[in-house]
Amino acid sequence: MLSSRGVQLVRSSKLLKNYQKISCTSVRNSGGEWIYRRPPPRQPEILYKLGEFVSAVSWWWILWHLWTEPGHVIGEFHYPNPRLWTNEELGISGFCQCN
């Protein structure tokens, strides 16, 4: 019984020896130059200006539409006519006869 276990152990060790690692290190495909402990290279000035322009237009669009069409955010509902409210709804007790 012990010998059969030993044979299985030898077979499995031979199978494990046949397995090889496909790759030990990963490939860096990020592009650009390698940077360590120094600032990255500065982007062209046009990219900064383009980013500021797109950001300004986006915020203008958002704020303009919040100002002119607030119903998209807070919902569209009709304000009730206060003349149609009863005294009870307004919290006025019965001793005051107001018209």
PDB file of N, CA and C in Angstrom:
ATOM      1  N   MET A   1       0.818  -1.183   0.000  1.00  0.00           N
ATOM      2  CA  MET A   1       0.000   0.000   0.000  1.00  0.00           C
ATOM      3  C   MET A   1       0.867   1.255   0.000  1.00  0.00           C
ATOM      4  N   LEU A   2       1.915   1.241   0.762  1.00  0.00           N
ATOM      5  CA  LEU A   2       2.808   2.381   0.817  1.00  0.00           C
ATOM      6  C   LEU A   2       3.535   2.575  -0.510  1.00  0.00           C
ATOM      7  N   SER A   3       3.849   1.482  -1.178  1.00  0.00           N
ATOM      8  CA  SER A   3       4.550   1.591  -2.459  1.00  0.00           C
ATOM      9  C   SER A   3       3.639   2.183  -3.535  1.00  0.00           C
ATOM     10  N   SER A   4       2.356   1.855  -3.504  1.00  0.00           N
ATOM     11  CA  SER A   4       1.448   2.419  -4.508  1.00  0.00           C
ATOM     12  C   SER A   4       1.310   3.931  -4.318  1.00  0.00           C
ATOM     13  N   ARG A   5       1.314   4.371  -3.073  1.00  0.00           N
ATOM     14  CA  ARG A   5       1.264   5.813  -2.814  1.00  0.00           C
ATOM     15  C   ARG A   5       2.557   6.479  -3.284  1.00  0.00           C
ATOM     16  N   GLY A   6       3.664   5.809  -3.116  1.00  0.00           N
ATOM     17  CA  GLY A   6       4.944   6.345  -3.561  1.00  0.00           C
ATOM     18  C   GLY A   6       4.992   6.485  -5.069  1.00  0.00           C
ATOM     19  N   VAL A   7       4.412   5.498  -5.785  1.00  0.00           N
ATOM     20  CA  VAL A   7       4.386   5.551  -7.245  1.00  0.00           C
ATOM     21  C   VAL A   7       3.538   6.742  -7.699  1.00  0.00           C
ATOM     22  N   GLN A   8       2.403   6.950  -7.045  1.00  0.00           N
ATOM     23  CA  GLN A   8       1.556   8.091  -7.399  1.00  0.00           C
ATOM     24  C   GLN A   8       2.267   9.415  -7.119  1.00  0.00           C
ATOM     25  N   LEU A   9       3.022   9.454  -6.043  1.00  0.00           N
ATOM     26  CA  LEU A   9       3.763  10.665  -5.698  1.00  0.00           C
ATOM     27  C   LEU A   9       4.836  10.966  -6.739  1.00  0.00           C
ATOM     28  N   VAL A  10       5.525   9.930  -7.206  1.00  0.00           N
ATOM     29  CA  VAL A  10       6.562  10.118  -8.227  1.00  0.00           C
ATOM     30  C   VAL A  10       5.927  10.589  -9.537  1.00  0.00           C
ATOM     31  N   ARG A  11       4.785  10.006  -9.916  1.00  0.00           N
ATOM     32  CA  ARG A  11       4.109  10.409 -11.151  1.00  0.00           C
ATOM     33  C   ARG A  11       3.668  11.875 -11.081  1.00  0.00           C
ATOM     34  N   SER A  12       3.094  12.252  -9.964  1.00  0.00           N
ATOM     35  CA  SER A  12       2.638  13.636  -9.850  1.00  0.00           C
ATOM     36  C   SER A  12       3.808  14.611  -9.832  1.00  0.00           C
ATOM     37  N   SER A  13       4.931  14.218  -9.248  1.00  0.00           N
ATOM     38  CA  SER A  13       6.092  15.111  -9.249  1.00  0.00           C
ATOM     39  C   SER A  13       6.653  15.257 -10.657  1.00  0.00           C
ATOM     40  N   LYS A  14       6.594  14.196 -11.463  1.00  0.00           N
ATOM     41  CA  LYS A  14       7.054  14.298 -12.849  1.00  0.00           C
ATOM     42  C   LYS A  14       6.133  15.222 -13.651  1.00  0.00           C
ATOM     43  N   LEU A  15       4.823  15.131 -13.384  1.00  0.00           N
ATOM     44  CA  LEU A  15       3.888  16.002 -14.086  1.00  0.00           C
ATOM     45  C   LEU A  15       4.099  17.460 -13.695  1.00  0.00           C
ATOM     46  N   LEU A  16       4.388  17.698 -12.422  1.00  0.00           N
ATOM     47  CA  LEU A  16       4.605  19.070 -11.975  1.00  0.00           C
ATOM     48  C   LEU A  16       5.882  19.666 -12.565  1.00  0.00           C
ATOM     49  N   LYS A  17       6.880  18.829 -12.822  1.00  0.00           N
ATOM     50  CA  LYS A  17       8.123  19.329 -13.411  1.00  0.00           C
ATOM     51  C   LYS A  17       7.911  19.776 -14.857  1.00  0.00           C
ATOM     52  N   ASN A  18       6.919  19.188 -15.541  1.00  0.00           N
ATOM     53  CA  ASN A  18       6.678  19.537 -16.941  1.00  0.00           C
ATOM     54  C   ASN A  18       6.007  20.901 -17.099  1.00  0.00           C
ATOM     55  N   TYR A  19       5.355  21.392 -16.055  1.00  0.00           N
ATOM     56  CA  TYR A  19       4.709  22.697 -16.134  1.00  0.00           C
ATOM     57  C   TYR A  19       5.748  23.793 -16.001  1.00  0.00           C
ATOM     58  N   GLN A  20       5.694  24.743 -16.920  1.00  0.00           N
ATOM     59  CA  GLN A  20       6.614  25.869 -16.874  1.00  0.00           C
ATOM     60  C   GLN A  20       5.802  27.163 -16.827  1.00  0.00           C
ATOM     61  N   LYS A  21       6.388  28.160 -16.245  1.00  0.00           N
ATOM     62  CA  LYS A  21       5.731  29.460 -16.219  1.00  0.00           C
ATOM     63  C   LYS A  21       5.727  30.051 -17.627  1.00  0.00           C
ATOM     64  N   ILE A  22       4.622  30.622 -17.994  1.00  0.00           N
ATOM     65  CA  ILE A  22       4.534  31.236 -19.314  1.00  0.00           C
ATOM     66  C   ILE A  22       5.320  32.544 -19.326  1.00  0.00           C
ATOM     67  N   SER A  23       5.172  33.314 -18.268  1.00  0.00           N
ATOM     68  CA  SER A  23       5.859  34.591 -18.192  1.00  0.00           C
ATOM     69  C   SER A  23       6.152  34.904 -16.731  1.00  0.00           C
ATOM     70  N   CYS A  24       7.335  35.371 -16.464  1.00  0.00           N
ATOM     71  CA  CYS A  24       7.710  35.718 -15.090  1.00  0.00           C
ATOM     72  C   CYS A  24       7.441  37.191 -14.797  1.00  0.00           C
ATOM     73  N   THR A  25       7.479  38.026 -15.817  1.00  0.00           N
ATOM     74  CA  THR A  25       7.246  39.452 -15.620  1.00  0.00           C
ATOM     75  C   THR A  25       6.143  39.916 -16.558  1.00  0.00           C
ATOM     76  N   SER A  26       5.468  40.956 -16.142  1.00  0.00           N
ATOM     77  CA  SER A  26       4.403  41.495 -16.983  1.00  0.00           C
ATOM     78  C   SER A  26       4.986  42.506 -17.964  1.00  0.00           C
ATOM     79  N   VAL A  27       4.325  42.672 -19.068  1.00  0.00           N
ATOM     80  CA  VAL A  27       4.771  43.590 -20.103  1.00  0.00           C
ATOM     81  C   VAL A  27       4.099  44.937 -19.872  1.00  0.00           C
ATOM     82  N   ARG A  28       4.890  46.002 -19.867  1.00  0.00           N
ATOM     83  CA  ARG A  28       4.335  47.345 -19.719  1.00  0.00           C
ATOM     84  C   ARG A  28       3.947  47.866 -21.089  1.00  0.00           C
ATOM     85  N   ASN A  29       2.667  48.047 -21.282  1.00  0.00           N
ATOM     86  CA  ASN A  29       2.178  48.584 -22.548  1.00  0.00           C
ATOM     87  C   ASN A  29       1.563  49.962 -22.360  1.00  0.00           C
ATOM     88  N   SER A  30       2.012  50.700 -21.365  1.00  0.00           N
ATOM     89  CA  SER A  30       1.392  51.986 -21.069  1.00  0.00           C
ATOM     90  C   SER A  30       1.869  53.098 -21.990  1.00  0.00           C
ATOM     91  N   GLY A  31       3.005  52.964 -22.587  1.00  0.00           N
ATOM     92  CA  GLY A  31       3.514  53.991 -23.481  1.00  0.00           C
ATOM     93  C   GLY A  31       4.136  55.143 -22.719  1.00  0.00           C
ATOM     94  N   GLY A  32       4.828  55.999 -23.431  1.00  0.00           N
ATOM     95  CA  GLY A  32       5.466  57.146 -22.795  1.00  0.00           C
ATOM     96  C   GLY A  32       6.766  56.753 -22.112  1.00  0.00           C
ATOM     97  N   GLU A  33       7.423  57.746 -21.561  1.00  0.00           N
ATOM     98  CA  GLU A  33       8.690  57.462 -20.900  1.00  0.00           C
ATOM     99  C   GLU A  33       8.466  57.082 -19.444  1.00  0.00           C
ATOM    100  N   TRP A  34       9.411  56.374 -18.874  1.00  0.00           N
ATOM    101  CA  TRP A  34       9.321  55.896 -17.508  1.00  0.00           C
ATOM    102  C   TRP A  34       9.668  57.038 -16.562  1.00  0.00           C
ATOM    103  N   ILE A  35       8.852  57.221 -15.529  1.00  0.00           N
ATOM    104  CA  ILE A  35       9.023  58.348 -14.607  1.00  0.00           C
ATOM    105  C   ILE A  35       9.134  57.814 -13.194  1.00  0.00           C
ATOM    106  N   TYR A  36      10.166  58.247 -12.479  1.00  0.00           N
ATOM    107  CA  TYR A  36      10.330  57.856 -11.084  1.00  0.00           C
ATOM    108  C   TYR A  36      10.894  59.040 -10.322  1.00  0.00           C
ATOM    109  N   ARG A  37      10.139  59.510  -9.350  1.00  0.00           N
ATOM    110  CA  ARG A  37      10.550  60.609  -8.472  1.00  0.00           C
ATOM    111  C   ARG A  37      10.885  61.904  -9.208  1.00  0.00           C
ATOM    112  N   ARG A  38      10.116  62.177 -10.206  1.00  0.00           N
ATOM    113  CA  ARG A  38      10.225  63.465 -10.879  1.00  0.00           C
ATOM    114  C   ARG A  38       8.883  63.739 -11.535  1.00  0.00           C
ATOM    115  N   PRO A  39       8.566  64.989 -11.753  1.00  0.00           N
ATOM    116  CA  PRO A  39       7.250  65.292 -12.332  1.00  0.00           C
ATOM    117  C   PRO A  39       7.157  64.794 -13.771  1.00  0.00           C
ATOM    118  N   PRO A  40       5.958  64.471 -14.198  1.00  0.00           N
ATOM    119  CA  PRO A  40       5.790  64.029 -15.587  1.00  0.00           C
ATOM    120  C   PRO A  40       6.037  65.181 -16.551  1.00  0.00           C
ATOM    121  N   PRO A  41       6.306  64.871 -17.796  1.00  0.00           N
ATOM    122  CA  PRO A  41       6.527  65.960 -18.760  1.00  0.00           C
ATOM    123  C   PRO A  41       5.261  66.792 -18.936  1.00  0.00           C
ATOM    124  N   ARG A  42       5.438  68.093 -19.117  1.00  0.00           N
ATOM    125  CA  ARG A  42       4.303  69.012 -19.240  1.00  0.00           C
ATOM    126  C   ARG A  42       3.601  68.800 -20.580  1.00  0.00           C
ATOM    127  N   GLN A  43       2.272  68.836 -20.508  1.00  0.00           N
ATOM    128  CA  GLN A  43       1.462  68.677 -21.717  1.00  0.00           C
ATOM    129  C   GLN A  43       1.492  69.973 -22.526  1.00  0.00           C
ATOM    130  N   PRO A  44       1.175  69.893 -23.797  1.00  0.00           N
ATOM    131  CA  PRO A  44       1.124  71.124 -24.605  1.00  0.00           C
ATOM    132  C   PRO A  44       0.079  72.099 -24.055  1.00  0.00           C
ATOM    133  N   GLU A  45       0.357  73.379 -24.199  1.00  0.00           N
ATOM    134  CA  GLU A  45      -0.510  74.428 -23.650  1.00  0.00           C
ATOM    135  C   GLU A  45      -1.913  74.384 -24.248  1.00  0.00           C
ATOM    136  N   ILE A  46      -2.031  73.957 -25.493  1.00  0.00           N
ATOM    137  CA  ILE A  46      -3.345  73.908 -26.146  1.00  0.00           C
ATOM    138  C   ILE A  46      -4.266  72.924 -25.435  1.00  0.00           C
ATOM    139  N   LEU A  47      -3.726  71.860 -24.855  1.00  0.00           N
ATOM    140  CA  LEU A  47      -4.556  70.895 -24.136  1.00  0.00           C
ATOM    141  C   LEU A  47      -5.130  71.505 -22.863  1.00  0.00           C
ATOM    142  N   TYR A  48      -4.343  72.325 -22.178  1.00  0.00           N
ATOM    143  CA  TYR A  48      -4.844  73.004 -20.987  1.00  0.00           C
ATOM    144  C   TYR A  48      -5.953  73.993 -21.358  1.00  0.00           C
ATOM    145  N   LYS A  49      -5.741  74.749 -22.425  1.00  0.00           N
ATOM    146  CA  LYS A  49      -6.753  75.715 -22.855  1.00  0.00           C
ATOM    147  C   LYS A  49      -8.019  75.011 -23.328  1.00  0.00           C
ATOM    148  N   LEU A  50      -7.858  73.910 -24.036  1.00  0.00           N
ATOM    149  CA  LEU A  50      -9.014  73.146 -24.503  1.00  0.00           C
ATOM    150  C   LEU A  50      -9.790  72.568 -23.323  1.00  0.00           C
ATOM    151  N   GLY A  51      -9.080  72.076 -22.319  1.00  0.00           N
ATOM    152  CA  GLY A  51      -9.740  71.555 -21.125  1.00  0.00           C
ATOM    153  C   GLY A  51     -10.508  72.628 -20.376  1.00  0.00           C
ATOM    154  N   GLU A  52      -9.916  73.811 -20.241  1.00  0.00           N
ATOM    155  CA  GLU A  52     -10.606  74.921 -19.588  1.00  0.00           C
ATOM    156  C   GLU A  52     -11.846  75.343 -20.375  1.00  0.00           C
ATOM    157  N   PHE A  53     -11.740  75.366 -21.690  1.00  0.00           N
ATOM    158  CA  PHE A  53     -12.872  75.754 -22.528  1.00  0.00           C
ATOM    159  C   PHE A  53     -14.014  74.749 -22.410  1.00  0.00           C
ATOM    160  N   VAL A  54     -13.695  73.465 -22.496  1.00  0.00           N
ATOM    161  CA  VAL A  54     -14.732  72.434 -22.395  1.00  0.00           C
ATOM    162  C   VAL A  54     -15.381  72.469 -21.016  1.00  0.00           C
ATOM    163  N   SER A  55     -14.585  72.672 -19.976  1.00  0.00           N
ATOM    164  CA  SER A  55     -15.124  72.758 -18.623  1.00  0.00           C
ATOM    165  C   SER A  55     -16.040  73.978 -18.474  1.00  0.00           C
ATOM    166  N   ALA A  56     -15.625  75.117 -19.005  1.00  0.00           N
ATOM    167  CA  ALA A  56     -16.444  76.329 -18.906  1.00  0.00           C
ATOM    168  C   ALA A  56     -17.764  76.161 -19.653  1.00  0.00           C
ATOM    169  N   VAL A  57     -17.727  75.586 -20.840  1.00  0.00           N
ATOM    170  CA  VAL A  57     -18.959  75.378 -21.609  1.00  0.00           C
ATOM    171  C   VAL A  57     -19.871  74.393 -20.892  1.00  0.00           C
ATOM    172  N   SER A  58     -19.300  73.353 -20.317  1.00  0.00           N
ATOM    173  CA  SER A  58     -20.114  72.364 -19.600  1.00  0.00           C
ATOM    174  C   SER A  58     -20.813  72.993 -18.405  1.00  0.00           C
ATOM    175  N   TRP A  59     -20.082  73.772 -17.608  1.00  0.00           N
ATOM    176  CA  TRP A  59     -20.702  74.412 -16.446  1.00  0.00           C
ATOM    177  C   TRP A  59     -21.716  75.462 -16.867  1.00  0.00           C
ATOM    178  N   TRP A  60     -21.430  76.201 -17.945  1.00  0.00           N
ATOM    179  CA  TRP A  60     -22.413  77.158 -18.434  1.00  0.00           C
ATOM    180  C   TRP A  60     -23.703  76.435 -18.824  1.00  0.00           C
ATOM    181  N   TRP A  61     -23.575  75.327 -19.532  1.00  0.00           N
ATOM    182  CA  TRP A  61     -24.737  74.557 -19.979  1.00  0.00           C
ATOM    183  C   TRP A  61     -25.559  74.075 -18.783  1.00  0.00           C
ATOM    184  N   ILE A  62     -24.877  73.518 -17.790  1.00  0.00           N
ATOM    185  CA  ILE A  62     -25.575  72.997 -16.608  1.00  0.00           C
ATOM    186  C   ILE A  62     -26.283  74.119 -15.864  1.00  0.00           C
ATOM    187  N   LEU A  63     -25.581  75.207 -15.541  1.00  0.00           N
ATOM    188  CA  LEU A  63     -26.162  76.289 -14.754  1.00  0.00           C
ATOM    189  C   LEU A  63     -27.239  77.046 -15.523  1.00  0.00           C
ATOM    190  N   TRP A  64     -27.060  77.227 -16.830  1.00  0.00           N
ATOM    191  CA  TRP A  64     -28.074  77.913 -17.622  1.00  0.00           C
ATOM    192  C   TRP A  64     -29.375  77.121 -17.629  1.00  0.00           C
ATOM    193  N   HIS A  65     -29.269  75.815 -17.803  1.00  0.00           N
ATOM    194  CA  HIS A  65     -30.487  75.015 -17.848  1.00  0.00           C
ATOM    195  C   HIS A  65     -31.103  74.825 -16.463  1.00  0.00           C
ATOM    196  N   LEU A  66     -30.317  74.873 -15.419  1.00  0.00           N
ATOM    197  CA  LEU A  66     -30.900  74.873 -14.077  1.00  0.00           C
ATOM    198  C   LEU A  66     -31.658  76.171 -13.827  1.00  0.00           C
ATOM    199  N   TRP A  67     -31.149  77.280 -14.367  1.00  0.00           N
ATOM    200  CA  TRP A  67     -31.800  78.569 -14.166  1.00  0.00           C
ATOM    201  C   TRP A  67     -33.063  78.696 -15.009  1.00  0.00           C
ATOM    202  N   THR A  68     -32.993  78.284 -16.271  1.00  0.00           N
ATOM    203  CA  THR A  68     -34.123  78.503 -17.173  1.00  0.00           C
ATOM    204  C   THR A  68     -35.135  77.366 -17.170  1.00  0.00           C
ATOM    205  N   GLU A  69     -34.734  76.159 -16.836  1.00  0.00           N
ATOM    206  CA  GLU A  69     -35.650  75.013 -16.840  1.00  0.00           C
ATOM    207  C   GLU A  69     -35.475  74.194 -15.561  1.00  0.00           C
ATOM    208  N   PRO A  70     -35.823  74.749 -14.399  1.00  0.00           N
ATOM    209  CA  PRO A  70     -35.597  74.013 -13.148  1.00  0.00           C
ATOM    210  C   PRO A  70     -36.505  72.802 -12.997  1.00  0.00           C
ATOM    211  N   GLY A  71     -37.549  72.724 -13.797  1.00  0.00           N
ATOM    212  CA  GLY A  71     -38.465  71.594 -13.709  1.00  0.00           C
ATOM    213  C   GLY A  71     -37.807  70.265 -14.030  1.00  0.00           C
ATOM    214  N   HIS A  72     -36.720  70.290 -14.773  1.00  0.00           N
ATOM    215  CA  HIS A  72     -36.023  69.049 -15.089  1.00  0.00           C
ATOM    216  C   HIS A  72     -35.389  68.438 -13.847  1.00  0.00           C
ATOM    217  N   VAL A  73     -35.032  69.273 -12.885  1.00  0.00           N
ATOM    218  CA  VAL A  73     -34.372  68.787 -11.673  1.00  0.00           C
ATOM    219  C   VAL A  73     -35.360  68.616 -10.529  1.00  0.00           C
ATOM    220  N   ILE A  74     -36.165  69.640 -10.250  1.00  0.00           N
ATOM    221  CA  ILE A  74     -37.061  69.588  -9.087  1.00  0.00           C
ATOM    222  C   ILE A  74     -38.444  69.067  -9.420  1.00  0.00           C
ATOM    223  N   GLY A  75     -38.714  68.829 -10.681  1.00  0.00           N
ATOM    224  CA  GLY A  75     -40.023  68.324 -11.069  1.00  0.00           C
ATOM    225  C   GLY A  75     -40.957  69.458 -11.458  1.00  0.00           C
ATOM    226  N   GLU A  76     -41.905  69.140 -12.299  1.00  0.00           N
ATOM    227  CA  GLU A  76     -42.858  70.147 -12.759  1.00  0.00           C
ATOM    228  C   GLU A  76     -44.193  69.911 -12.079  1.00  0.00           C
ATOM    229  N   PHE A  77     -44.640  70.893 -11.320  1.00  0.00           N
ATOM    230  CA  PHE A  77     -45.939  70.797 -10.667  1.00  0.00           C
ATOM    231  C   PHE A  77     -46.549  72.191 -10.615  1.00  0.00           C
ATOM    232  N   HIS A  78     -47.859  72.245 -10.563  1.00  0.00           N
ATOM    233  CA  HIS A  78     -48.565  73.519 -10.509  1.00  0.00           C
ATOM    234  C   HIS A  78     -48.771  73.914  -9.055  1.00  0.00           C
ATOM    235  N   TYR A  79     -48.486  75.170  -8.760  1.00  0.00           N
ATOM    236  CA  TYR A  79     -48.683  75.675  -7.411  1.00  0.00           C
ATOM    237  C   TYR A  79     -50.182  75.869  -7.193  1.00  0.00           C
ATOM    238  N   PRO A  80     -50.726  75.366  -6.089  1.00  0.00           N
ATOM    239  CA  PRO A  80     -52.173  75.481  -5.880  1.00  0.00           C
ATOM    240  C   PRO A  80     -52.594  76.934  -5.627  1.00  0.00           C
ATOM    241  N   ASN A  81     -53.831  77.223  -5.966  1.00  0.00           N
ATOM    242  CA  ASN A  81     -54.382  78.564  -5.761  1.00  0.00           C
ATOM    243  C   ASN A  81     -54.730  78.725  -4.279  1.00  0.00           C
ATOM    244  N   PRO A  82     -54.102  79.664  -3.553  1.00  0.00           N
ATOM    245  CA  PRO A  82     -54.371  79.801  -2.120  1.00  0.00           C
ATOM    246  C   PRO A  82     -55.787  80.288  -1.814  1.00  0.00           C
ATOM    247  N   ARG A  83     -56.485  80.886  -2.767  1.00  0.00           N
ATOM    248  CA  ARG A  83     -57.863  81.333  -2.534  1.00  0.00           C
ATOM    249  C   ARG A  83     -58.813  80.147  -2.396  1.00  0.00           C
ATOM    250  N   LEU A  84     -58.412  78.991  -2.919  1.00  0.00           N
ATOM    251  CA  LEU A  84     -59.269  77.809  -2.849  1.00  0.00           C
ATOM    252  C   LEU A  84     -59.071  77.016  -1.557  1.00  0.00           C
ATOM    253  N   TRP A  85     -58.084  77.395  -0.732  1.00  0.00           N
ATOM    254  CA  TRP A  85     -57.834  76.674   0.510  1.00  0.00           C
ATOM    255  C   TRP A  85     -58.912  77.018   1.537  1.00  0.00           C
ATOM    256  N   THR A  86     -59.245  76.056   2.348  1.00  0.00           N
ATOM    257  CA  THR A  86     -60.229  76.298   3.413  1.00  0.00           C
ATOM    258  C   THR A  86     -59.519  76.835   4.647  1.00  0.00           C
ATOM    259  N   ASN A  87     -60.295  77.414   5.575  1.00  0.00           N
ATOM    260  CA  ASN A  87     -59.721  77.922   6.825  1.00  0.00           C
ATOM    261  C   ASN A  87     -59.071  76.797   7.616  1.00  0.00           C
ATOM    262  N   GLU A  88     -59.661  75.624   7.572  1.00  0.00           N
ATOM    263  CA  GLU A  88     -59.108  74.484   8.309  1.00  0.00           C
ATOM    264  C   GLU A  88     -57.740  74.090   7.752  1.00  0.00           C
ATOM    265  N   GLU A  89     -57.604  74.111   6.439  1.00  0.00           N
ATOM    266  CA  GLU A  89     -56.317  73.788   5.819  1.00  0.00           C
ATOM    267  C   GLU A  89     -55.264  74.835   6.151  1.00  0.00           C
ATOM    268  N   LEU A  90     -55.699  76.079   6.338  1.00  0.00           N
ATOM    269  CA  LEU A  90     -54.765  77.152   6.666  1.00  0.00           C
ATOM    270  C   LEU A  90     -54.476  77.240   8.160  1.00  0.00           C
ATOM    271  N   GLY A  91     -55.192  76.485   8.976  1.00  0.00           N
ATOM    272  CA  GLY A  91     -54.971  76.509  10.414  1.00  0.00           C
ATOM    273  C   GLY A  91     -55.680  77.643  11.107  1.00  0.00           C
ATOM    274  N   ILE A  92     -56.715  78.183  10.499  1.00  0.00           N
ATOM    275  CA  ILE A  92     -57.478  79.282  11.087  1.00  0.00           C
ATOM    276  C   ILE A  92     -58.665  78.675  11.817  1.00  0.00           C
ATOM    277  N   SER A  93     -58.779  79.039  13.089  1.00  0.00           N
ATOM    278  CA  SER A  93     -59.888  78.484  13.870  1.00  0.00           C
ATOM    279  C   SER A  93     -61.199  79.148  13.458  1.00  0.00           C
ATOM    280  N   GLY A  94     -62.313  78.598  13.920  1.00  0.00           N
ATOM    281  CA  GLY A  94     -63.636  79.022  13.491  1.00  0.00           C
ATOM    282  C   GLY A  94     -64.071  80.379  13.999  1.00  0.00           C
ATOM    283  N   PHE A  95     -63.368  80.995  14.956  1.00  0.00           N
ATOM    284  CA  PHE A  95     -63.842  82.266  15.506  1.00  0.00           C
ATOM    285  C   PHE A  95     -63.598  83.434  14.557  1.00  0.00           C
ATOM    286  N   CYS A  96     -62.764  83.278  13.568  1.00  0.00           N
ATOM    287  CA  CYS A  96     -62.472  84.374  12.641  1.00  0.00           C
ATOM    288  C   CYS A  96     -63.230  84.137  11.344  1.00  0.00           C
ATOM    289  N   GLN A  97     -64.053  85.093  10.961  1.00  0.00           N
ATOM    290  CA  GLN A  97     -64.796  84.990   9.712  1.00  0.00           C
ATOM    291  C   GLN A  97     -64.097  85.868   8.668  1.00  0.00           C
ATOM    292  N   CYS A  98     -63.102  85.319   8.021  1.00  0.00           N
ATOM    293  CA  CYS A  98     -62.343  86.078   7.022  1.00  0.00           C
ATOM    294  C   CYS A  98     -62.779  85.645   5.628  1.00  0.00           C
ATOM    295  N   ASN A  99     -62.930  86.597   4.723  1.00  0.00           N
ATOM    296  CA  ASN A  99     -63.314  86.268   3.344  1.00  0.00           C
ATOM    297  C   ASN A  99     -62.174  86.553   2.413  1.00  0.00           C
TER     298      ASN A  99
END
